[in-house]
mmCIF file of all heavy atoms, coordinates in Angstrom:
data_MODEL
# 
_entry.id   MODEL 
# 
loop_
_atom_site.group_PDB 
_atom_site.id 
_atom_site.type_symbol 
_atom_site.label_atom_id 
_atom_site.label_alt_id 
_atom_site.label_comp_id 
_atom_site.label_asym_id 
_atom_site.label_entity_id 
_atom_site.label_seq_id 
_atom_site.pdbx_PDB_ins_code 
_atom_site.Cartn_x 
_atom_site.Cartn_y 
_atom_site.Cartn_z 
_atom_site.occupancy 
_atom_site.B_iso_or_equiv 
_atom_site.pdbx_formal_charge 
_atom_site.auth_seq_id 
_atom_site.auth_comp_id 
_atom_site.auth_asym_id 
_atom_site.auth_atom_id 
_atom_site.pdbx_PDB_model_num 
ATOM 1   N N   . ILE A 1 1  ? 91.544  108.909 103.561 1.00 0.00 ? 1  ILE A N   1 
ATOM 2   C CA  . ILE A 1 1  ? 92.457  109.663 102.714 1.00 0.00 ? 1  ILE A CA  1 
ATOM 3   C C   . ILE A 1 1  ? 91.887  111.062 102.516 1.00 0.00 ? 1  ILE A C   1 
ATOM 4   O O   . ILE A 1 1  ? 90.802  111.217 101.983 1.00 0.00 ? 1  ILE A O   1 
ATOM 5   C CB  . ILE A 1 1  ? 92.654  108.962 101.359 1.00 0.00 ? 1  ILE A CB  1 
ATOM 6   C CG1 . ILE A 1 1  ? 93.246  107.572 101.597 1.00 0.00 ? 1  ILE A CG1 1 
ATOM 7   C CG2 . ILE A 1 1  ? 93.529  109.787 100.433 1.00 0.00 ? 1  ILE A CG2 1 
ATOM 8   C CD1 . ILE A 1 1  ? 93.315  106.698 100.381 1.00 0.00 ? 1  ILE A CD1 1 
ATOM 9   N N   . PRO A 1 2  ? 92.603  112.085 102.963 1.00 0.00 ? 2  PRO A N   1 
ATOM 10  C CA  . PRO A 1 2  ? 92.081  113.450 102.854 1.00 0.00 ? 2  PRO A CA  1 
ATOM 11  C C   . PRO A 1 2  ? 92.047  113.942 101.409 1.00 0.00 ? 2  PRO A C   1 
ATOM 12  O O   . PRO A 1 2  ? 92.775  113.439 100.544 1.00 0.00 ? 2  PRO A O   1 
ATOM 13  C CB  . PRO A 1 2  ? 93.062  114.278 103.678 1.00 0.00 ? 2  PRO A CB  1 
ATOM 14  C CG  . PRO A 1 2  ? 94.322  113.495 103.653 1.00 0.00 ? 2  PRO A CG  1 
ATOM 15  C CD  . PRO A 1 2  ? 93.926  112.047 103.579 1.00 0.00 ? 2  PRO A CD  1 
ATOM 16  N N   . ASP A 1 3  ? 91.184  114.908 101.160 1.00 0.00 ? 3  ASP A N   1 
ATOM 17  C CA  . ASP A 1 3  ? 91.152  115.572 99.861  1.00 0.00 ? 3  ASP A CA  1 
ATOM 18  C C   . ASP A 1 3  ? 92.376  116.469 99.737  1.00 0.00 ? 3  ASP A C   1 
ATOM 19  O O   . ASP A 1 3  ? 92.956  116.896 100.718 1.00 0.00 ? 3  ASP A O   1 
ATOM 20  C CB  . ASP A 1 3  ? 89.895  116.441 99.730  1.00 0.00 ? 3  ASP A CB  1 
ATOM 21  C CG  . ASP A 1 3  ? 88.626  115.605 99.676  1.00 0.00 ? 3  ASP A CG  1 
ATOM 22  O OD1 . ASP A 1 3  ? 88.699  114.449 99.227  1.00 0.00 ? 3  ASP A OD1 1 
ATOM 23  O OD2 . ASP A 1 3  ? 87.575  116.118 100.084 1.00 0.00 ? 3  ASP A OD2 1 
ATOM 24  N N   . ALA A 1 4  ? 92.732  116.796 98.522  1.00 0.00 ? 4  ALA A N   1 
ATOM 25  C CA  . ALA A 1 4  ? 93.888  117.662 98.272  1.00 0.00 ? 4  ALA A CA  1 
ATOM 26  C C   . ALA A 1 4  ? 93.501  119.139 98.280  1.00 0.00 ? 4  ALA A C   1 
ATOM 27  O O   . ALA A 1 4  ? 94.194  119.967 97.713  1.00 0.00 ? 4  ALA A O   1 
ATOM 28  C CB  . ALA A 1 4  ? 94.530  117.287 96.945  1.00 0.00 ? 4  ALA A CB  1 
ATOM 29  N N   . VAL A 1 5  ? 92.423  119.482 98.939  1.00 0.00 ? 5  VAL A N   1 
ATOM 30  C CA  . VAL A 1 5  ? 91.942  120.856 98.994  1.00 0.00 ? 5  VAL A CA  1 
ATOM 31  C C   . VAL A 1 5  ? 92.933  121.719 99.764  1.00 0.00 ? 5  VAL A C   1 
ATOM 32  O O   . VAL A 1 5  ? 93.371  121.365 100.848 1.00 0.00 ? 5  VAL A O   1 
ATOM 33  C CB  . VAL A 1 5  ? 90.556  120.918 99.680  1.00 0.00 ? 5  VAL A CB  1 
ATOM 34  C CG1 . VAL A 1 5  ? 90.098  122.344 99.852  1.00 0.00 ? 5  VAL A CG1 1 
ATOM 35  C CG2 . VAL A 1 5  ? 89.545  120.107 98.913  1.00 0.00 ? 5  VAL A CG2 1 
ATOM 36  N N   . GLY A 1 6  ? 93.310  122.844 99.196  1.00 0.00 ? 6  GLY A N   1 
ATOM 37  C CA  . GLY A 1 6  ? 94.149  123.803 99.888  1.00 0.00 ? 6  GLY A CA  1 
ATOM 38  C C   . GLY A 1 6  ? 95.641  123.552 99.801  1.00 0.00 ? 6  GLY A C   1 
ATOM 39  O O   . GLY A 1 6  ? 96.417  124.273 100.400 1.00 0.00 ? 6  GLY A O   1 
ATOM 40  N N   . ILE A 1 7  ? 96.058  122.521 99.079  1.00 0.00 ? 7  ILE A N   1 
ATOM 41  C CA  . ILE A 1 7  ? 97.492  122.266 98.932  1.00 0.00 ? 7  ILE A CA  1 
ATOM 42  C C   . ILE A 1 7  ? 98.044  123.230 97.894  1.00 0.00 ? 7  ILE A C   1 
ATOM 43  O O   . ILE A 1 7  ? 97.438  123.461 96.849  1.00 0.00 ? 7  ILE A O   1 
ATOM 44  C CB  . ILE A 1 7  ? 97.748  120.805 98.535  1.00 0.00 ? 7  ILE A CB  1 
ATOM 45  C CG1 . ILE A 1 7  ? 97.338  119.902 99.692  1.00 0.00 ? 7  ILE A CG1 1 
ATOM 46  C CG2 . ILE A 1 7  ? 99.205  120.581 98.173  1.00 0.00 ? 7  ILE A CG2 1 
ATOM 47  C CD1 . ILE A 1 7  ? 97.501  118.447 99.423  1.00 0.00 ? 7  ILE A CD1 1 
ATOM 48  N N   . SER A 1 8  ? 99.218  123.791 98.179  1.00 0.00 ? 8  SER A N   1 
ATOM 49  C CA  . SER A 1 8  ? 99.797  124.785 97.279  1.00 0.00 ? 8  SER A CA  1 
ATOM 50  C C   . SER A 1 8  ? 100.088 124.186 95.903  1.00 0.00 ? 8  SER A C   1 
ATOM 51  O O   . SER A 1 8  ? 100.226 122.973 95.749  1.00 0.00 ? 8  SER A O   1 
ATOM 52  C CB  . SER A 1 8  ? 101.069 125.380 97.890  1.00 0.00 ? 8  SER A CB  1 
ATOM 53  O OG  . SER A 1 8  ? 102.062 124.385 98.018  1.00 0.00 ? 8  SER A OG  1 
ATOM 54  N N   . GLU A 1 9  ? 100.189 125.062 94.919  1.00 0.00 ? 9  GLU A N   1 
ATOM 55  C CA  . GLU A 1 9  ? 100.357 124.666 93.508  1.00 0.00 ? 9  GLU A CA  1 
ATOM 56  C C   . GLU A 1 9  ? 101.579 123.792 93.258  1.00 0.00 ? 9  GLU A C   1 
ATOM 57  O O   . GLU A 1 9  ? 101.560 122.928 92.408  1.00 0.00 ? 9  GLU A O   1 
ATOM 58  C CB  . GLU A 1 9  ? 100.438 125.910 92.623  1.00 0.00 ? 9  GLU A CB  1 
ATOM 59  C CG  . GLU A 1 9  ? 99.135  126.656 92.501  1.00 0.00 ? 9  GLU A CG  1 
ATOM 60  C CD  . GLU A 1 9  ? 98.121  125.917 91.652  1.00 0.00 ? 9  GLU A CD  1 
ATOM 61  O OE1 . GLU A 1 9  ? 98.499  125.317 90.644  1.00 0.00 ? 9  GLU A OE1 1 
ATOM 62  O OE2 . GLU A 1 9  ? 96.937  125.950 92.026  1.00 0.00 ? 9  GLU A OE2 1 
ATOM 63  N N   . GLU A 1 10 ? 102.664 124.044 94.003  1.00 0.00 ? 10 GLU A N   1 
ATOM 64  C CA  . GLU A 1 10 ? 103.892 123.289 93.740  1.00 0.00 ? 10 GLU A CA  1 
ATOM 65  C C   . GLU A 1 10 ? 103.937 121.937 94.457  1.00 0.00 ? 10 GLU A C   1 
ATOM 66  O O   . GLU A 1 10 ? 104.885 121.182 94.307  1.00 0.00 ? 10 GLU A O   1 
ATOM 67  C CB  . GLU A 1 10 ? 105.140 124.113 94.089  1.00 0.00 ? 10 GLU A CB  1 
ATOM 68  C CG  . GLU A 1 10 ? 105.289 124.438 95.549  1.00 0.00 ? 10 GLU A CG  1 
ATOM 69  C CD  . GLU A 1 10 ? 104.618 125.745 95.951  1.00 0.00 ? 10 GLU A CD  1 
ATOM 70  O OE1 . GLU A 1 10 ? 104.007 126.435 95.117  1.00 0.00 ? 10 GLU A OE1 1 
ATOM 71  O OE2 . GLU A 1 10 ? 104.700 126.070 97.127  1.00 0.00 ? 10 GLU A OE2 1 
ATOM 72  N N   . CYS A 1 11 ? 102.887 121.622 95.200  1.00 0.00 ? 11 CYS A N   1 
ATOM 73  C CA  . CYS A 1 11 ? 102.838 120.372 95.962  1.00 0.00 ? 11 CYS A CA  1 
ATOM 74  C C   . CYS A 1 11 ? 101.751 119.446 95.424  1.00 0.00 ? 11 CYS A C   1 
ATOM 75  O O   . CYS A 1 11 ? 100.833 119.877 94.744  1.00 0.00 ? 11 CYS A O   1 
ATOM 76  C CB  . CYS A 1 11 ? 102.551 120.661 97.429  1.00 0.00 ? 11 CYS A CB  1 
ATOM 77  S SG  . CYS A 1 11 ? 103.719 121.752 98.222  1.00 0.00 ? 11 CYS A SG  1 
ATOM 78  N N   . GLU A 1 12 ? 101.880 118.160 95.773  1.00 0.00 ? 12 GLU A N   1 
ATOM 79  C CA  . GLU A 1 12 ? 100.834 117.212 95.439  1.00 0.00 ? 12 GLU A CA  1 
ATOM 80  C C   . GLU A 1 12 ? 100.729 116.163 96.542  1.00 0.00 ? 12 GLU A C   1 
ATOM 81  O O   . GLU A 1 12 ? 101.666 115.932 97.297  1.00 0.00 ? 12 GLU A O   1 
ATOM 82  C CB  . GLU A 1 12 ? 101.076 116.555 94.086  1.00 0.00 ? 12 GLU A CB  1 
ATOM 83  C CG  . GLU A 1 12 ? 102.222 115.591 94.024  1.00 0.00 ? 12 GLU A CG  1 
ATOM 84  C CD  . GLU A 1 12 ? 102.380 114.954 92.656  1.00 0.00 ? 12 GLU A CD  1 
ATOM 85  O OE1 . GLU A 1 12 ? 101.412 114.910 91.882  1.00 0.00 ? 12 GLU A OE1 1 
ATOM 86  O OE2 . GLU A 1 12 ? 103.489 114.498 92.356  1.00 0.00 ? 12 GLU A OE2 1 
ATOM 87  N N   . LEU A 1 13 ? 99.576  115.542 96.614  1.00 0.00 ? 13 LEU A N   1 
ATOM 88  C CA  . LEU A 1 13 ? 99.285  114.523 97.607  1.00 0.00 ? 13 LEU A CA  1 
ATOM 89  C C   . LEU A 1 13 ? 99.607  113.167 97.000  1.00 0.00 ? 13 LEU A C   1 
ATOM 90  O O   . LEU A 1 13 ? 99.070  112.807 95.956  1.00 0.00 ? 13 LEU A O   1 
ATOM 91  C CB  . LEU A 1 13 ? 97.797  114.608 97.954  1.00 0.00 ? 13 LEU A CB  1 
ATOM 92  C CG  . LEU A 1 13 ? 97.308  114.072 99.268  1.00 0.00 ? 13 LEU A CG  1 
ATOM 93  C CD1 . LEU A 1 13 ? 97.925  114.835 100.422 1.00 0.00 ? 13 LEU A CD1 1 
ATOM 94  C CD2 . LEU A 1 13 ? 95.807  114.182 99.335  1.00 0.00 ? 13 LEU A CD2 1 
ATOM 95  N N   . VAL A 1 14 ? 100.485 112.397 97.642  1.00 0.00 ? 14 VAL A N   1 
ATOM 96  C CA  . VAL A 1 14 ? 100.811 111.045 97.194  1.00 0.00 ? 14 VAL A CA  1 
ATOM 97  C C   . VAL A 1 14 ? 100.126 110.080 98.155  1.00 0.00 ? 14 VAL A C   1 
ATOM 98  O O   . VAL A 1 14 ? 100.330 110.153 99.366  1.00 0.00 ? 14 VAL A O   1 
ATOM 99  C CB  . VAL A 1 14 ? 102.339 110.808 97.181  1.00 0.00 ? 14 VAL A CB  1 
ATOM 100 C CG1 . VAL A 1 14 ? 102.657 109.369 96.810  1.00 0.00 ? 14 VAL A CG1 1 
ATOM 101 C CG2 . VAL A 1 14 ? 103.008 111.769 96.215  1.00 0.00 ? 14 VAL A CG2 1 
ATOM 102 N N   . VAL A 1 15 ? 99.294  109.190 97.615  1.00 0.00 ? 15 VAL A N   1 
ATOM 103 C CA  . VAL A 1 15 ? 98.480  108.291 98.420  1.00 0.00 ? 15 VAL A CA  1 
ATOM 104 C C   . VAL A 1 15 ? 99.054  106.884 98.384  1.00 0.00 ? 15 VAL A C   1 
ATOM 105 O O   . VAL A 1 15 ? 99.375  106.364 97.323  1.00 0.00 ? 15 VAL A O   1 
ATOM 106 C CB  . VAL A 1 15 ? 97.025  108.271 97.896  1.00 0.00 ? 15 VAL A CB  1 
ATOM 107 C CG1 . VAL A 1 15 ? 96.184  107.278 98.675  1.00 0.00 ? 15 VAL A CG1 1 
ATOM 108 C CG2 . VAL A 1 15 ? 96.421  109.653 97.944  1.00 0.00 ? 15 VAL A CG2 1 
ATOM 109 N N   . ASN A 1 16 ? 99.175  106.271 99.567  1.00 0.00 ? 16 ASN A N   1 
ATOM 110 C CA  . ASN A 1 16 ? 99.546  104.868 99.674  1.00 0.00 ? 16 ASN A CA  1 
ATOM 111 C C   . ASN A 1 16 ? 98.285  104.127 100.100 1.00 0.00 ? 16 ASN A C   1 
ATOM 112 O O   . ASN A 1 16 ? 97.905  104.136 101.268 1.00 0.00 ? 16 ASN A O   1 
ATOM 113 C CB  . ASN A 1 16 ? 100.661 104.688 100.706 1.00 0.00 ? 16 ASN A CB  1 
ATOM 114 C CG  . ASN A 1 16 ? 101.100 103.254 100.843 1.00 0.00 ? 16 ASN A CG  1 
ATOM 115 O OD1 . ASN A 1 16 ? 100.360 102.320 100.539 1.00 0.00 ? 16 ASN A OD1 1 
ATOM 116 N ND2 . ASN A 1 16 ? 102.311 103.062 101.317 1.00 0.00 ? 16 ASN A ND2 1 
ATOM 117 N N   . LYS A 1 17 ? 97.608  103.488 99.142  1.00 0.00 ? 17 LYS A N   1 
ATOM 118 C CA  . LYS A 1 17 ? 96.338  102.824 99.445  1.00 0.00 ? 17 LYS A CA  1 
ATOM 119 C C   . LYS A 1 17 ? 96.511  101.566 100.283 1.00 0.00 ? 17 LYS A C   1 
ATOM 120 O O   . LYS A 1 17 ? 95.584  101.137 100.942 1.00 0.00 ? 17 LYS A O   1 
ATOM 121 C CB  . LYS A 1 17 ? 95.587  102.516 98.154  1.00 0.00 ? 17 LYS A CB  1 
ATOM 122 C CG  . LYS A 1 17 ? 95.037  103.768 97.507  1.00 0.00 ? 17 LYS A CG  1 
ATOM 123 C CD  . LYS A 1 17 ? 94.063  103.457 96.411  1.00 0.00 ? 17 LYS A CD  1 
ATOM 124 C CE  . LYS A 1 17 ? 93.494  104.761 95.864  1.00 0.00 ? 17 LYS A CE  1 
ATOM 125 N NZ  . LYS A 1 17 ? 92.472  104.542 94.877  1.00 0.00 ? 17 LYS A NZ  1 
ATOM 126 N N   . ALA A 1 18 ? 97.716  100.982 100.282 1.00 0.00 ? 18 ALA A N   1 
ATOM 127 C CA  . ALA A 1 18 ? 97.962  99.797  101.102 1.00 0.00 ? 18 ALA A CA  1 
ATOM 128 C C   . ALA A 1 18 ? 97.912  100.137 102.585 1.00 0.00 ? 18 ALA A C   1 
ATOM 129 O O   . ALA A 1 18 ? 97.440  99.350  103.401 1.00 0.00 ? 18 ALA A O   1 
ATOM 130 C CB  . ALA A 1 18 ? 99.308  99.177  100.748 1.00 0.00 ? 18 ALA A CB  1 
ATOM 131 N N   . THR A 1 19 ? 98.396  101.343 102.942 1.00 0.00 ? 19 THR A N   1 
ATOM 132 C CA  . THR A 1 19 ? 98.412  101.759 104.345 1.00 0.00 ? 19 THR A CA  1 
ATOM 133 C C   . THR A 1 19 ? 97.394  102.865 104.631 1.00 0.00 ? 19 THR A C   1 
ATOM 134 O O   . THR A 1 19 ? 97.296  103.316 105.765 1.00 0.00 ? 19 THR A O   1 
ATOM 135 C CB  . THR A 1 19 ? 99.815  102.267 104.742 1.00 0.00 ? 19 THR A CB  1 
ATOM 136 O OG1 . THR A 1 19 ? 100.144 103.398 103.929 1.00 0.00 ? 19 THR A OG1 1 
ATOM 137 C CG2 . THR A 1 19 ? 100.857 101.176 104.572 1.00 0.00 ? 19 THR A CG2 1 
ATOM 138 N N   . CYS A 1 20 ? 96.678  103.307 103.606 1.00 0.00 ? 20 CYS A N   1 
ATOM 139 C CA  . CYS A 1 20 ? 95.710  104.409 103.737 1.00 0.00 ? 20 CYS A CA  1 
ATOM 140 C C   . CYS A 1 20 ? 96.375  105.661 104.301 1.00 0.00 ? 20 CYS A C   1 
ATOM 141 O O   . CYS A 1 20 ? 95.821  106.355 105.148 1.00 0.00 ? 20 CYS A O   1 
ATOM 142 C CB  . CYS A 1 20 ? 94.515  104.006 104.588 1.00 0.00 ? 20 CYS A CB  1 
ATOM 143 S SG  . CYS A 1 20 ? 93.570  102.641 103.912 1.00 0.00 ? 20 CYS A SG  1 
ATOM 144 N N   . SER A 1 21 ? 97.579  105.937 103.840 1.00 0.00 ? 21 SER A N   1 
ATOM 145 C CA  . SER A 1 21 ? 98.306  107.112 104.314 1.00 0.00 ? 21 SER A CA  1 
ATOM 146 C C   . SER A 1 21 ? 98.633  108.030 103.141 1.00 0.00 ? 21 SER A C   1 
ATOM 147 O O   . SER A 1 21 ? 98.567  107.617 101.987 1.00 0.00 ? 21 SER A O   1 
ATOM 148 C CB  . SER A 1 21 ? 99.599  106.693 105.021 1.00 0.00 ? 21 SER A CB  1 
ATOM 149 O OG  . SER A 1 21 ? 100.450 106.001 104.136 1.00 0.00 ? 21 SER A OG  1 
ATOM 150 N N   . VAL A 1 22 ? 98.941  109.271 103.476 1.00 0.00 ? 22 VAL A N   1 
ATOM 151 C CA  . VAL A 1 22 ? 99.257  110.264 102.452 1.00 0.00 ? 22 VAL A CA  1 
ATOM 152 C C   . VAL A 1 22 ? 100.540 111.002 102.822 1.00 0.00 ? 22 VAL A C   1 
ATOM 153 O O   . VAL A 1 22 ? 100.938 111.035 103.983 1.00 0.00 ? 22 VAL A O   1 
ATOM 154 C CB  . VAL A 1 22 ? 98.125  111.299 102.257 1.00 0.00 ? 22 VAL A CB  1 
ATOM 155 C CG1 . VAL A 1 22 ? 96.880  110.648 101.737 1.00 0.00 ? 22 VAL A CG1 1 
ATOM 156 C CG2 . VAL A 1 22 ? 97.854  112.049 103.531 1.00 0.00 ? 22 VAL A CG2 1 
ATOM 157 N N   . LYS A 1 23 ? 101.141 111.581 101.810 1.00 0.00 ? 23 LYS A N   1 
ATOM 158 C CA  . LYS A 1 23 ? 102.339 112.394 101.997 1.00 0.00 ? 23 LYS A CA  1 
ATOM 159 C C   . LYS A 1 23 ? 102.221 113.562 101.033 1.00 0.00 ? 23 LYS A C   1 
ATOM 160 O O   . LYS A 1 23 ? 101.790 113.394 99.896  1.00 0.00 ? 23 LYS A O   1 
ATOM 161 C CB  . LYS A 1 23 ? 103.557 111.542 101.658 1.00 0.00 ? 23 LYS A CB  1 
ATOM 162 C CG  . LYS A 1 23 ? 104.883 112.139 101.979 1.00 0.00 ? 23 LYS A CG  1 
ATOM 163 C CD  . LYS A 1 23 ? 105.959 111.221 101.420 1.00 0.00 ? 23 LYS A CD  1 
ATOM 164 C CE  . LYS A 1 23 ? 107.014 110.932 102.427 1.00 0.00 ? 23 LYS A CE  1 
ATOM 165 N NZ  . LYS A 1 23 ? 108.085 110.102 101.872 1.00 0.00 ? 23 LYS A NZ  1 
ATOM 166 N N   . VAL A 1 24 ? 102.571 114.756 101.482 1.00 0.00 ? 24 VAL A N   1 
ATOM 167 C CA  . VAL A 1 24 ? 102.560 115.930 100.622 1.00 0.00 ? 24 VAL A CA  1 
ATOM 168 C C   . VAL A 1 24 ? 103.999 116.164 100.162 1.00 0.00 ? 24 VAL A C   1 
ATOM 169 O O   . VAL A 1 24 ? 104.892 116.352 100.984 1.00 0.00 ? 24 VAL A O   1 
ATOM 170 C CB  . VAL A 1 24 ? 102.017 117.174 101.359 1.00 0.00 ? 24 VAL A CB  1 
ATOM 171 C CG1 . VAL A 1 24 ? 102.012 118.373 100.437 1.00 0.00 ? 24 VAL A CG1 1 
ATOM 172 C CG2 . VAL A 1 24 ? 100.618 116.905 101.894 1.00 0.00 ? 24 VAL A CG2 1 
ATOM 173 N N   . VAL A 1 25 ? 104.204 116.098 98.844  1.00 0.00 ? 25 VAL A N   1 
ATOM 174 C CA  . VAL A 1 25 ? 105.554 116.233 98.276  1.00 0.00 ? 25 VAL A CA  1 
ATOM 175 C C   . VAL A 1 25 ? 105.567 117.311 97.199  1.00 0.00 ? 25 VAL A C   1 
ATOM 176 O O   . VAL A 1 25 ? 104.515 117.695 96.670  1.00 0.00 ? 25 VAL A O   1 
ATOM 177 C CB  . VAL A 1 25 ? 106.053 114.898 97.672  1.00 0.00 ? 25 VAL A CB  1 
ATOM 178 C CG1 . VAL A 1 25 ? 106.182 113.831 98.742  1.00 0.00 ? 25 VAL A CG1 1 
ATOM 179 C CG2 . VAL A 1 25 ? 105.149 114.432 96.551  1.00 0.00 ? 25 VAL A CG2 1 
ATOM 180 N N   . LEU A 1 26 ? 106.765 117.757 96.881  1.00 0.00 ? 26 LEU A N   1 
ATOM 181 C CA  . LEU A 1 26 ? 106.929 118.706 95.781  1.00 0.00 ? 26 LEU A CA  1 
ATOM 182 C C   . LEU A 1 26 ? 106.672 117.995 94.457  1.00 0.00 ? 26 LEU A C   1 
ATOM 183 O O   . LEU A 1 26 ? 107.128 116.868 94.254  1.00 0.00 ? 26 LEU A O   1 
ATOM 184 C CB  . LEU A 1 26 ? 108.345 119.282 95.772  1.00 0.00 ? 26 LEU A CB  1 
ATOM 185 C CG  . LEU A 1 26 ? 108.695 120.275 96.866  1.00 0.00 ? 26 LEU A CG  1 
ATOM 186 C CD1 . LEU A 1 26 ? 110.192 120.565 96.849  1.00 0.00 ? 26 LEU A CD1 1 
ATOM 187 C CD2 . LEU A 1 26 ? 107.901 121.552 96.702  1.00 0.00 ? 26 LEU A CD2 1 
# 
């Protein structure tokens, strides 16, 4: 799972720990 370093202010990282995947959403 990557760090949220460098993601713009209006976005956030949503983590799915069951699949070890991430999505960047508003």
